[in-house]
Amino acid sequence: MVVPKDGFDVCAEVPDKYQAFIDARDGYSYYYPSDWRDFDFRGHDSAFKDRILSLQNVRLSFIPTEKKDIHELGEMEEVISNLVKNVYAAPNQTPIIYAMQEKNIDGKNYWTFEYELATPRYSRVAFATISIGNGRQYTLIVGANERRWSRVRDKLKVVADSFKVLDI
């Protein structure tokens, strides 16, 4: 865990069976299940996975942007559809978007969406939350394989909903 800025304490709000990850240097925080462990995920700033079922994981990445808010990317439905179909999905995967929601926390807008990437042999379902702040577009993705999704969906939704962009 990166040391938080003075006066910033999300730990007081952490739900039971979760831990807070706070990266004050890169400007974000989120919760992850306390029995998960840290791991390297290429191209991501932070990542945690289940100790046994490594396909259950959360990862966060960011890219530089001159935009100040996610609304500058376009209409939510269009942007999310484009991301899932053209960025997240491999050519052999069929993307399905189940739900999209927008929320505002402390003046910052977030889009969270649930989607599945399916092949004839395997499917993965995930939540992604995106937001813009600090000259960066942040993306948090938390998911599991389709067979386990119904059992872990609510647990992983807590992770997706906990993501916050911090002012740096």
N, C-alpha and C. Protein backbone atom coordinates (compact mmCIF):
# COMPACT_ATOMS: atom_id res chain seq x y z
N MET A 1 0.85 -1.17 0.00
CA MET A 1 0.00 0.00 0.00
C MET A 1 0.90 1.23 0.00
N VAL A 2 0.54 2.19 -0.81
CA VAL A 2 1.25 3.45 -0.85
C VAL A 2 0.75 4.30 0.31
N VAL A 3 1.63 5.02 0.97
CA VAL A 3 1.26 5.82 2.13
C VAL A 3 0.31 6.94 1.72
N PRO A 4 -0.85 7.05 2.40
CA PRO A 4 -1.81 8.09 2.04
C PRO A 4 -1.33 9.47 2.48
N LYS A 5 -1.94 10.48 1.85
CA LYS A 5 -1.66 11.86 2.24
C LYS A 5 -2.15 12.09 3.66
N ASP A 6 -1.56 13.06 4.33
CA ASP A 6 -2.03 13.41 5.67
C ASP A 6 -3.50 13.78 5.60
N GLY A 7 -4.24 13.28 6.57
CA GLY A 7 -5.65 13.63 6.67
C GLY A 7 -6.57 12.77 5.81
N PHE A 8 -6.04 11.91 4.97
CA PHE A 8 -6.89 11.06 4.15
C PHE A 8 -7.01 9.69 4.80
N ASP A 9 -8.21 9.30 5.18
CA ASP A 9 -8.39 8.03 5.88
C ASP A 9 -9.63 7.33 5.35
N VAL A 10 -9.47 6.43 4.39
CA VAL A 10 -10.62 5.65 3.93
C VAL A 10 -10.79 4.41 4.79
N CYS A 11 -9.77 4.06 5.54
CA CYS A 11 -9.80 2.81 6.31
C CYS A 11 -10.96 2.75 7.30
N ALA A 12 -11.39 3.90 7.80
CA ALA A 12 -12.50 3.93 8.75
C ALA A 12 -13.79 3.43 8.11
N GLU A 13 -13.90 3.48 6.79
CA GLU A 13 -15.13 3.11 6.09
C GLU A 13 -15.08 1.71 5.48
N VAL A 14 -13.98 1.02 5.58
CA VAL A 14 -13.79 -0.25 4.88
C VAL A 14 -14.77 -1.30 5.39
N PRO A 15 -15.54 -1.93 4.48
CA PRO A 15 -16.46 -2.99 4.90
C PRO A 15 -15.71 -4.20 5.46
N ASP A 16 -16.41 -4.96 6.27
CA ASP A 16 -15.85 -6.20 6.82
C ASP A 16 -15.41 -7.12 5.69
N LYS A 17 -14.28 -7.76 5.86
CA LYS A 17 -13.69 -8.72 4.91
C LYS A 17 -13.10 -8.05 3.66
N TYR A 18 -12.83 -6.74 3.75
CA TYR A 18 -12.17 -6.01 2.66
C TYR A 18 -11.01 -5.23 3.25
N GLN A 19 -10.06 -4.88 2.39
CA GLN A 19 -8.96 -3.99 2.76
C GLN A 19 -8.96 -2.83 1.79
N ALA A 20 -8.44 -1.71 2.25
CA ALA A 20 -8.34 -0.53 1.39
C ALA A 20 -6.97 -0.49 0.74
N PHE A 21 -6.95 -0.18 -0.54
CA PHE A 21 -5.70 0.11 -1.24
C PHE A 21 -5.74 1.59 -1.57
N ILE A 22 -4.75 2.32 -1.11
CA ILE A 22 -4.70 3.77 -1.32
C ILE A 22 -3.38 4.11 -1.99
N ASP A 23 -3.46 4.72 -3.15
CA ASP A 23 -2.26 5.17 -3.84
C ASP A 23 -2.35 6.69 -3.96
N ALA A 24 -1.84 7.37 -2.94
CA ALA A 24 -1.92 8.83 -2.89
C ALA A 24 -1.03 9.46 -3.95
N ARG A 25 0.04 8.79 -4.33
CA ARG A 25 0.94 9.34 -5.36
C ARG A 25 0.26 9.37 -6.73
N ASP A 26 -0.46 8.29 -7.07
CA ASP A 26 -1.12 8.22 -8.37
C ASP A 26 -2.59 8.64 -8.31
N GLY A 27 -3.11 8.91 -7.12
CA GLY A 27 -4.42 9.54 -6.98
C GLY A 27 -5.63 8.65 -7.07
N TYR A 28 -5.63 7.50 -6.38
CA TYR A 28 -6.83 6.66 -6.39
C TYR A 28 -6.85 5.74 -5.18
N SER A 29 -8.03 5.19 -4.92
CA SER A 29 -8.19 4.19 -3.86
C SER A 29 -9.33 3.25 -4.25
N TYR A 30 -9.31 2.06 -3.64
CA TYR A 30 -10.41 1.10 -3.78
C TYR A 30 -10.28 0.04 -2.70
N TYR A 31 -11.34 -0.72 -2.51
CA TYR A 31 -11.32 -1.85 -1.58
C TYR A 31 -11.14 -3.13 -2.38
N TYR A 32 -10.55 -4.12 -1.74
CA TYR A 32 -10.44 -5.45 -2.34
C TYR A 32 -10.64 -6.47 -1.23
N PRO A 33 -11.09 -7.70 -1.56
CA PRO A 33 -11.31 -8.71 -0.52
C PRO A 33 -10.01 -8.97 0.26
N SER A 34 -10.12 -9.03 1.58
CA SER A 34 -8.93 -9.12 2.44
C SER A 34 -8.16 -10.43 2.27
N ASP A 35 -8.78 -11.45 1.67
CA ASP A 35 -8.03 -12.69 1.47
C ASP A 35 -7.34 -12.75 0.09
N TRP A 36 -7.40 -11.67 -0.67
CA TRP A 36 -6.70 -11.61 -1.95
C TRP A 36 -5.28 -11.13 -1.73
N ARG A 37 -4.41 -11.41 -2.72
CA ARG A 37 -3.02 -10.98 -2.60
C ARG A 37 -2.60 -10.12 -3.79
N ASP A 38 -1.62 -9.29 -3.55
CA ASP A 38 -1.05 -8.39 -4.54
C ASP A 38 -0.36 -9.21 -5.63
N PHE A 39 -0.45 -8.79 -6.89
CA PHE A 39 0.31 -9.44 -7.94
C PHE A 39 0.60 -8.46 -9.07
N ASP A 40 1.59 -8.79 -9.87
CA ASP A 40 1.95 -7.97 -11.02
C ASP A 40 1.05 -8.31 -12.19
N PHE A 41 0.38 -7.32 -12.74
CA PHE A 41 -0.44 -7.52 -13.93
C PHE A 41 0.08 -6.52 -14.95
N ARG A 42 0.70 -7.02 -15.99
CA ARG A 42 1.37 -6.16 -16.97
C ARG A 42 0.48 -5.01 -17.43
N GLY A 43 1.05 -3.81 -17.40
CA GLY A 43 0.34 -2.63 -17.87
C GLY A 43 -0.61 -2.02 -16.87
N HIS A 44 -0.63 -2.54 -15.66
CA HIS A 44 -1.55 -2.04 -14.63
C HIS A 44 -0.75 -1.47 -13.46
N ASP A 45 -1.30 -0.46 -12.83
CA ASP A 45 -0.62 0.19 -11.72
C ASP A 45 -0.75 -0.62 -10.43
N SER A 46 -1.89 -1.27 -10.24
CA SER A 46 -2.08 -2.14 -9.07
C SER A 46 -3.00 -3.29 -9.46
N ALA A 47 -2.86 -4.41 -8.74
CA ALA A 47 -3.70 -5.58 -9.00
C ALA A 47 -3.69 -6.50 -7.78
N PHE A 48 -4.84 -7.12 -7.53
CA PHE A 48 -4.97 -8.12 -6.46
C PHE A 48 -5.78 -9.27 -7.02
N LYS A 49 -5.48 -10.50 -6.54
CA LYS A 49 -6.23 -11.66 -7.01
C LYS A 49 -6.53 -12.60 -5.86
N ASP A 50 -7.54 -13.41 -6.06
CA ASP A 50 -7.91 -14.43 -5.10
C ASP A 50 -6.73 -15.39 -4.94
N ARG A 51 -6.48 -15.83 -3.73
CA ARG A 51 -5.33 -16.72 -3.47
C ARG A 51 -5.45 -18.06 -4.19
N ILE A 52 -6.67 -18.53 -4.39
CA ILE A 52 -6.88 -19.84 -5.00
C ILE A 52 -7.36 -19.71 -6.44
N LEU A 53 -8.34 -18.87 -6.67
CA LEU A 53 -8.93 -18.70 -7.99
C LEU A 53 -8.39 -17.42 -8.61
N SER A 54 -7.25 -17.51 -9.26
CA SER A 54 -6.55 -16.32 -9.74
C SER A 54 -7.31 -15.56 -10.83
N LEU A 55 -8.31 -16.19 -11.45
CA LEU A 55 -9.11 -15.47 -12.44
C LEU A 55 -10.08 -14.49 -11.78
N GLN A 56 -10.23 -14.58 -10.47
CA GLN A 56 -10.98 -13.58 -9.72
C GLN A 56 -9.97 -12.54 -9.30
N ASN A 57 -10.06 -11.36 -9.93
CA ASN A 57 -9.06 -10.35 -9.62
C ASN A 57 -9.59 -8.95 -9.88
N VAL A 58 -8.83 -7.99 -9.36
CA VAL A 58 -9.08 -6.57 -9.61
C VAL A 58 -7.77 -5.97 -10.10
N ARG A 59 -7.90 -5.06 -11.05
CA ARG A 59 -6.70 -4.39 -11.56
C ARG A 59 -7.07 -2.96 -11.95
N LEU A 60 -6.09 -2.08 -11.79
CA LEU A 60 -6.32 -0.68 -12.11
C LEU A 60 -5.21 -0.18 -13.01
N SER A 61 -5.62 0.55 -14.04
CA SER A 61 -4.66 1.19 -14.95
C SER A 61 -5.12 2.61 -15.21
N PHE A 62 -4.21 3.42 -15.71
CA PHE A 62 -4.59 4.77 -16.11
C PHE A 62 -3.72 5.21 -17.27
N ILE A 63 -4.29 6.13 -18.06
CA ILE A 63 -3.57 6.71 -19.18
C ILE A 63 -3.69 8.22 -19.08
N PRO A 64 -2.72 8.95 -19.62
CA PRO A 64 -2.83 10.41 -19.58
C PRO A 64 -3.97 10.91 -20.48
N THR A 65 -4.58 12.00 -20.06
CA THR A 65 -5.63 12.63 -20.87
C THR A 65 -5.66 14.12 -20.57
N GLU A 66 -6.10 14.87 -21.55
CA GLU A 66 -6.30 16.31 -21.33
C GLU A 66 -7.74 16.60 -20.94
N LYS A 67 -8.58 15.58 -20.99
CA LYS A 67 -9.99 15.75 -20.62
C LYS A 67 -10.10 15.93 -19.10
N LYS A 68 -11.14 16.61 -18.68
CA LYS A 68 -11.35 16.90 -17.25
C LYS A 68 -12.44 16.03 -16.64
N ASP A 69 -13.29 15.41 -17.49
CA ASP A 69 -14.44 14.65 -16.99
C ASP A 69 -14.81 13.57 -18.02
N ILE A 70 -15.38 12.47 -17.55
CA ILE A 70 -15.74 11.38 -18.47
C ILE A 70 -16.79 11.81 -19.50
N HIS A 71 -17.60 12.81 -19.19
CA HIS A 71 -18.60 13.27 -20.17
C HIS A 71 -17.94 13.83 -21.43
N GLU A 72 -16.70 14.26 -21.34
CA GLU A 72 -15.98 14.75 -22.51
C GLU A 72 -15.61 13.61 -23.48
N LEU A 73 -15.73 12.37 -23.03
CA LEU A 73 -15.45 11.21 -23.90
C LEU A 73 -16.59 10.97 -24.89
N GLY A 74 -17.81 11.41 -24.52
CA GLY A 74 -19.00 11.20 -25.35
C GLY A 74 -20.15 10.70 -24.50
N GLU A 75 -21.18 10.19 -25.18
CA GLU A 75 -22.34 9.62 -24.49
C GLU A 75 -21.94 8.31 -23.82
N MET A 76 -22.42 8.11 -22.59
CA MET A 76 -22.04 6.93 -21.80
C MET A 76 -22.24 5.63 -22.58
N GLU A 77 -23.40 5.42 -23.18
CA GLU A 77 -23.70 4.17 -23.87
C GLU A 77 -22.72 3.92 -25.03
N GLU A 78 -22.44 4.98 -25.79
CA GLU A 78 -21.51 4.86 -26.93
C GLU A 78 -20.09 4.54 -26.48
N VAL A 79 -19.63 5.28 -25.48
CA VAL A 79 -18.25 5.11 -24.99
C VAL A 79 -18.06 3.71 -24.42
N ILE A 80 -18.99 3.26 -23.58
CA ILE A 80 -18.87 1.94 -22.96
C ILE A 80 -18.96 0.85 -24.01
N SER A 81 -19.89 0.96 -24.93
CA SER A 81 -20.01 -0.02 -26.00
C SER A 81 -18.71 -0.12 -26.80
N ASN A 82 -18.13 1.02 -27.14
CA ASN A 82 -16.87 1.03 -27.88
C ASN A 82 -15.73 0.40 -27.07
N LEU A 83 -15.64 0.74 -25.79
CA LEU A 83 -14.59 0.15 -24.94
C LEU A 83 -14.70 -1.37 -24.89
N VAL A 84 -15.90 -1.86 -24.58
CA VAL A 84 -16.08 -3.30 -24.42
C VAL A 84 -15.83 -4.04 -25.74
N LYS A 85 -16.39 -3.54 -26.84
CA LYS A 85 -16.28 -4.23 -28.13
C LYS A 85 -14.91 -4.09 -28.78
N ASN A 86 -14.29 -2.92 -28.64
CA ASN A 86 -13.07 -2.65 -29.41
C ASN A 86 -11.78 -2.58 -28.60
N VAL A 87 -11.89 -2.50 -27.28
CA VAL A 87 -10.69 -2.43 -26.45
C VAL A 87 -10.56 -3.67 -25.56
N TYR A 88 -11.62 -4.01 -24.83
CA TYR A 88 -11.55 -5.12 -23.88
C TYR A 88 -11.65 -6.49 -24.56
N ALA A 89 -12.48 -6.61 -25.59
CA ALA A 89 -12.73 -7.91 -26.23
C ALA A 89 -11.64 -8.25 -27.24
N ALA A 90 -11.21 -9.50 -27.21
CA ALA A 90 -10.30 -10.03 -28.23
C ALA A 90 -11.15 -10.38 -29.46
N PRO A 91 -10.52 -10.53 -30.62
CA PRO A 91 -11.29 -10.84 -31.83
C PRO A 91 -12.16 -12.09 -31.73
N ASN A 92 -11.75 -13.06 -30.93
CA ASN A 92 -12.53 -14.31 -30.82
C ASN A 92 -13.57 -14.27 -29.71
N GLN A 93 -13.76 -13.11 -29.07
CA GLN A 93 -14.72 -13.01 -27.97
C GLN A 93 -15.97 -12.24 -28.39
N THR A 94 -17.10 -12.69 -27.86
CA THR A 94 -18.36 -11.99 -28.07
C THR A 94 -18.64 -11.15 -26.84
N PRO A 95 -18.71 -9.82 -26.99
CA PRO A 95 -18.97 -8.97 -25.83
C PRO A 95 -20.47 -8.77 -25.60
N ILE A 96 -20.86 -8.81 -24.33
CA ILE A 96 -22.24 -8.57 -23.92
C ILE A 96 -22.19 -7.55 -22.78
N ILE A 97 -22.92 -6.47 -22.90
CA ILE A 97 -22.99 -5.46 -21.84
C ILE A 97 -24.33 -5.64 -21.13
N TYR A 98 -24.27 -5.84 -19.80
CA TYR A 98 -25.48 -6.08 -19.02
C TYR A 98 -26.07 -4.83 -18.41
N ALA A 99 -25.24 -3.98 -17.87
CA ALA A 99 -25.78 -2.82 -17.15
C ALA A 99 -24.75 -1.70 -17.14
N MET A 100 -25.25 -0.46 -17.06
CA MET A 100 -24.39 0.72 -16.96
C MET A 100 -25.00 1.64 -15.92
N GLN A 101 -24.14 2.28 -15.15
CA GLN A 101 -24.65 3.27 -14.20
C GLN A 101 -23.65 4.41 -14.07
N GLU A 102 -24.18 5.57 -13.76
CA GLU A 102 -23.34 6.75 -13.54
C GLU A 102 -23.55 7.21 -12.11
N LYS A 103 -22.47 7.67 -11.49
CA LYS A 103 -22.59 8.25 -10.16
C LYS A 103 -21.60 9.40 -10.04
N ASN A 104 -21.86 10.26 -9.08
CA ASN A 104 -20.99 11.39 -8.80
C ASN A 104 -20.60 11.32 -7.34
N ILE A 105 -19.30 11.32 -7.07
CA ILE A 105 -18.78 11.31 -5.70
C ILE A 105 -17.83 12.48 -5.57
N ASP A 106 -18.12 13.34 -4.64
CA ASP A 106 -17.26 14.50 -4.36
C ASP A 106 -16.94 15.30 -5.63
N GLY A 107 -17.95 15.47 -6.49
CA GLY A 107 -17.77 16.27 -7.70
C GLY A 107 -17.10 15.56 -8.86
N LYS A 108 -16.78 14.27 -8.69
CA LYS A 108 -16.18 13.49 -9.78
C LYS A 108 -17.20 12.49 -10.31
N ASN A 109 -17.27 12.36 -11.64
CA ASN A 109 -18.21 11.44 -12.27
C ASN A 109 -17.55 10.10 -12.55
N TYR A 110 -18.33 9.04 -12.35
CA TYR A 110 -17.86 7.66 -12.55
C TYR A 110 -18.90 6.91 -13.37
N TRP A 111 -18.43 6.08 -14.29
CA TRP A 111 -19.30 5.14 -14.99
C TRP A 111 -18.88 3.75 -14.57
N THR A 112 -19.84 2.94 -14.13
CA THR A 112 -19.59 1.54 -13.79
C THR A 112 -20.49 0.70 -14.68
N PHE A 113 -19.91 -0.35 -15.25
CA PHE A 113 -20.70 -1.20 -16.13
C PHE A 113 -20.29 -2.65 -15.94
N GLU A 114 -21.28 -3.54 -16.20
CA GLU A 114 -21.10 -4.98 -16.08
C GLU A 114 -21.11 -5.55 -17.49
N TYR A 115 -20.13 -6.40 -17.78
CA TYR A 115 -20.05 -6.96 -19.13
C TYR A 115 -19.46 -8.37 -19.10
N GLU A 116 -19.71 -9.09 -20.18
CA GLU A 116 -19.18 -10.45 -20.33
C GLU A 116 -18.43 -10.54 -21.66
N LEU A 117 -17.32 -11.25 -21.63
CA LEU A 117 -16.57 -11.57 -22.85
C LEU A 117 -16.61 -13.08 -22.99
N ALA A 118 -17.29 -13.56 -24.04
CA ALA A 118 -17.54 -14.99 -24.19
C ALA A 118 -16.86 -15.56 -25.43
N THR A 119 -16.36 -16.77 -25.28
CA THR A 119 -15.89 -17.58 -26.40
C THR A 119 -16.68 -18.88 -26.32
N PRO A 120 -16.60 -19.74 -27.34
CA PRO A 120 -17.33 -21.01 -27.25
C PRO A 120 -16.89 -21.89 -26.06
N ARG A 121 -15.66 -21.69 -25.58
CA ARG A 121 -15.15 -22.54 -24.51
C ARG A 121 -15.08 -21.87 -23.14
N TYR A 122 -15.15 -20.54 -23.09
CA TYR A 122 -14.88 -19.85 -21.84
C TYR A 122 -15.53 -18.47 -21.84
N SER A 123 -15.99 -18.05 -20.67
CA SER A 123 -16.54 -16.70 -20.52
C SER A 123 -16.03 -16.07 -19.24
N ARG A 124 -15.82 -14.78 -19.31
CA ARG A 124 -15.41 -14.00 -18.14
C ARG A 124 -16.39 -12.82 -18.01
N VAL A 125 -16.81 -12.55 -16.77
CA VAL A 125 -17.73 -11.46 -16.50
C VAL A 125 -17.01 -10.48 -15.56
N ALA A 126 -17.27 -9.20 -15.76
CA ALA A 126 -16.57 -8.20 -14.95
C ALA A 126 -17.39 -6.94 -14.78
N PHE A 127 -16.99 -6.18 -13.79
CA PHE A 127 -17.41 -4.80 -13.63
C PHE A 127 -16.22 -3.94 -13.99
N ALA A 128 -16.45 -2.83 -14.65
CA ALA A 128 -15.41 -1.84 -14.88
C ALA A 128 -15.95 -0.51 -14.40
N THR A 129 -15.08 0.27 -13.78
CA THR A 129 -15.42 1.63 -13.37
C THR A 129 -14.38 2.55 -13.96
N ILE A 130 -14.84 3.59 -14.66
CA ILE A 130 -13.91 4.55 -15.24
C ILE A 130 -14.22 5.95 -14.72
N SER A 131 -13.17 6.75 -14.63
CA SER A 131 -13.31 8.14 -14.21
C SER A 131 -12.10 8.91 -14.70
N ILE A 132 -12.21 10.22 -14.69
CA ILE A 132 -11.11 11.09 -15.10
C ILE A 132 -10.80 12.07 -13.98
N GLY A 133 -9.51 12.25 -13.74
CA GLY A 133 -9.03 13.21 -12.75
C GLY A 133 -7.52 13.26 -12.80
N ASN A 134 -6.94 14.32 -12.31
CA ASN A 134 -5.47 14.42 -12.22
C ASN A 134 -4.78 14.27 -13.56
N GLY A 135 -5.46 14.62 -14.66
CA GLY A 135 -4.87 14.47 -15.99
C GLY A 135 -4.75 13.03 -16.44
N ARG A 136 -5.60 12.16 -15.85
CA ARG A 136 -5.56 10.72 -16.16
C ARG A 136 -6.97 10.16 -16.34
N GLN A 137 -7.07 9.17 -17.21
CA GLN A 137 -8.30 8.39 -17.31
C GLN A 137 -8.03 7.07 -16.61
N TYR A 138 -8.72 6.85 -15.50
CA TYR A 138 -8.54 5.65 -14.68
C TYR A 138 -9.55 4.58 -15.08
N THR A 139 -9.11 3.32 -15.06
CA THR A 139 -9.99 2.19 -15.31
C THR A 139 -9.73 1.11 -14.27
N LEU A 140 -10.75 0.76 -13.51
CA LEU A 140 -10.69 -0.34 -12.57
C LEU A 140 -11.55 -1.46 -13.12
N ILE A 141 -11.00 -2.66 -13.20
CA ILE A 141 -11.76 -3.83 -13.67
C ILE A 141 -11.66 -4.92 -12.61
N VAL A 142 -12.81 -5.46 -12.23
CA VAL A 142 -12.86 -6.56 -11.27
C VAL A 142 -13.78 -7.62 -11.84
N GLY A 143 -13.30 -8.88 -11.90
CA GLY A 143 -14.12 -9.90 -12.52
C GLY A 143 -13.77 -11.31 -12.10
N ALA A 144 -14.49 -12.25 -12.72
CA ALA A 144 -14.33 -13.68 -12.44
C ALA A 144 -14.82 -14.46 -13.65
N ASN A 145 -14.55 -15.78 -13.65
CA ASN A 145 -15.09 -16.57 -14.76
C ASN A 145 -16.60 -16.69 -14.60
N GLU A 146 -17.28 -16.93 -15.70
CA GLU A 146 -18.74 -16.91 -15.75
C GLU A 146 -19.36 -17.94 -14.80
N ARG A 147 -18.72 -19.09 -14.63
CA ARG A 147 -19.29 -20.14 -13.76
C ARG A 147 -19.37 -19.70 -12.30
N ARG A 148 -18.47 -18.85 -11.87
CA ARG A 148 -18.45 -18.39 -10.47
C ARG A 148 -19.17 -17.06 -10.28
N TRP A 149 -19.52 -16.39 -11.37
CA TRP A 149 -20.04 -15.03 -11.30
C TRP A 149 -21.22 -14.89 -10.36
N SER A 150 -22.20 -15.76 -10.44
CA SER A 150 -23.40 -15.61 -9.60
C SER A 150 -23.05 -15.69 -8.11
N ARG A 151 -22.01 -16.43 -7.76
CA ARG A 151 -21.61 -16.55 -6.35
C ARG A 151 -20.79 -15.37 -5.86
N VAL A 152 -20.05 -14.69 -6.75
CA VAL A 152 -19.13 -13.63 -6.32
C VAL A 152 -19.54 -12.24 -6.80
N ARG A 153 -20.60 -12.14 -7.56
CA ARG A 153 -21.00 -10.85 -8.16
C ARG A 153 -21.13 -9.74 -7.13
N ASP A 154 -21.89 -9.98 -6.06
CA ASP A 154 -22.12 -8.93 -5.07
C ASP A 154 -20.82 -8.51 -4.37
N LYS A 155 -19.96 -9.48 -4.10
CA LYS A 155 -18.66 -9.21 -3.47
C LYS A 155 -17.81 -8.33 -4.39
N LEU A 156 -17.83 -8.61 -5.68
CA LEU A 156 -17.02 -7.84 -6.63
C LEU A 156 -17.63 -6.47 -6.93
N LYS A 157 -18.94 -6.36 -6.80
CA LYS A 157 -19.59 -5.06 -7.00
C LYS A 157 -19.13 -4.07 -5.93
N VAL A 158 -18.88 -4.55 -4.72
CA VAL A 158 -18.36 -3.69 -3.65
C VAL A 158 -17.03 -3.08 -4.09
N VAL A 159 -16.19 -3.89 -4.72
CA VAL A 159 -14.89 -3.41 -5.20
C VAL A 159 -15.09 -2.34 -6.27
N ALA A 160 -15.91 -2.64 -7.26
CA ALA A 160 -16.15 -1.68 -8.36
C ALA A 160 -16.71 -0.37 -7.83
N ASP A 161 -17.63 -0.43 -6.89
CA ASP A 161 -18.27 0.77 -6.35
C ASP A 161 -17.36 1.56 -5.40
N SER A 162 -16.31 0.92 -4.89
CA SER A 162 -15.44 1.59 -3.92
C SER A 162 -14.38 2.48 -4.57
N PHE A 163 -14.17 2.33 -5.87
CA PHE A 163 -13.12 3.07 -6.54
C PHE A 163 -13.34 4.58 -6.45
N LYS A 164 -12.29 5.31 -6.06
CA LYS A 164 -12.37 6.77 -5.96
C LYS A 164 -11.09 7.37 -6.51
N VAL A 165 -11.26 8.47 -7.24
CA VAL A 165 -10.13 9.27 -7.69
C VAL A 165 -9.84 10.29 -6.60
N LEU A 166 -8.59 10.36 -6.18
CA LEU A 166 -8.16 11.31 -5.14
C LEU A 166 -7.52 12.52 -5.80
N ASP A 167 -7.63 13.66 -5.17
CA ASP A 167 -6.97 14.86 -5.69
C ASP A 167 -5.49 14.82 -5.35
N ILE A 168 -4.64 14.95 -6.37
CA ILE A 168 -3.20 14.97 -6.12
C ILE A 168 -2.60 16.26 -6.68
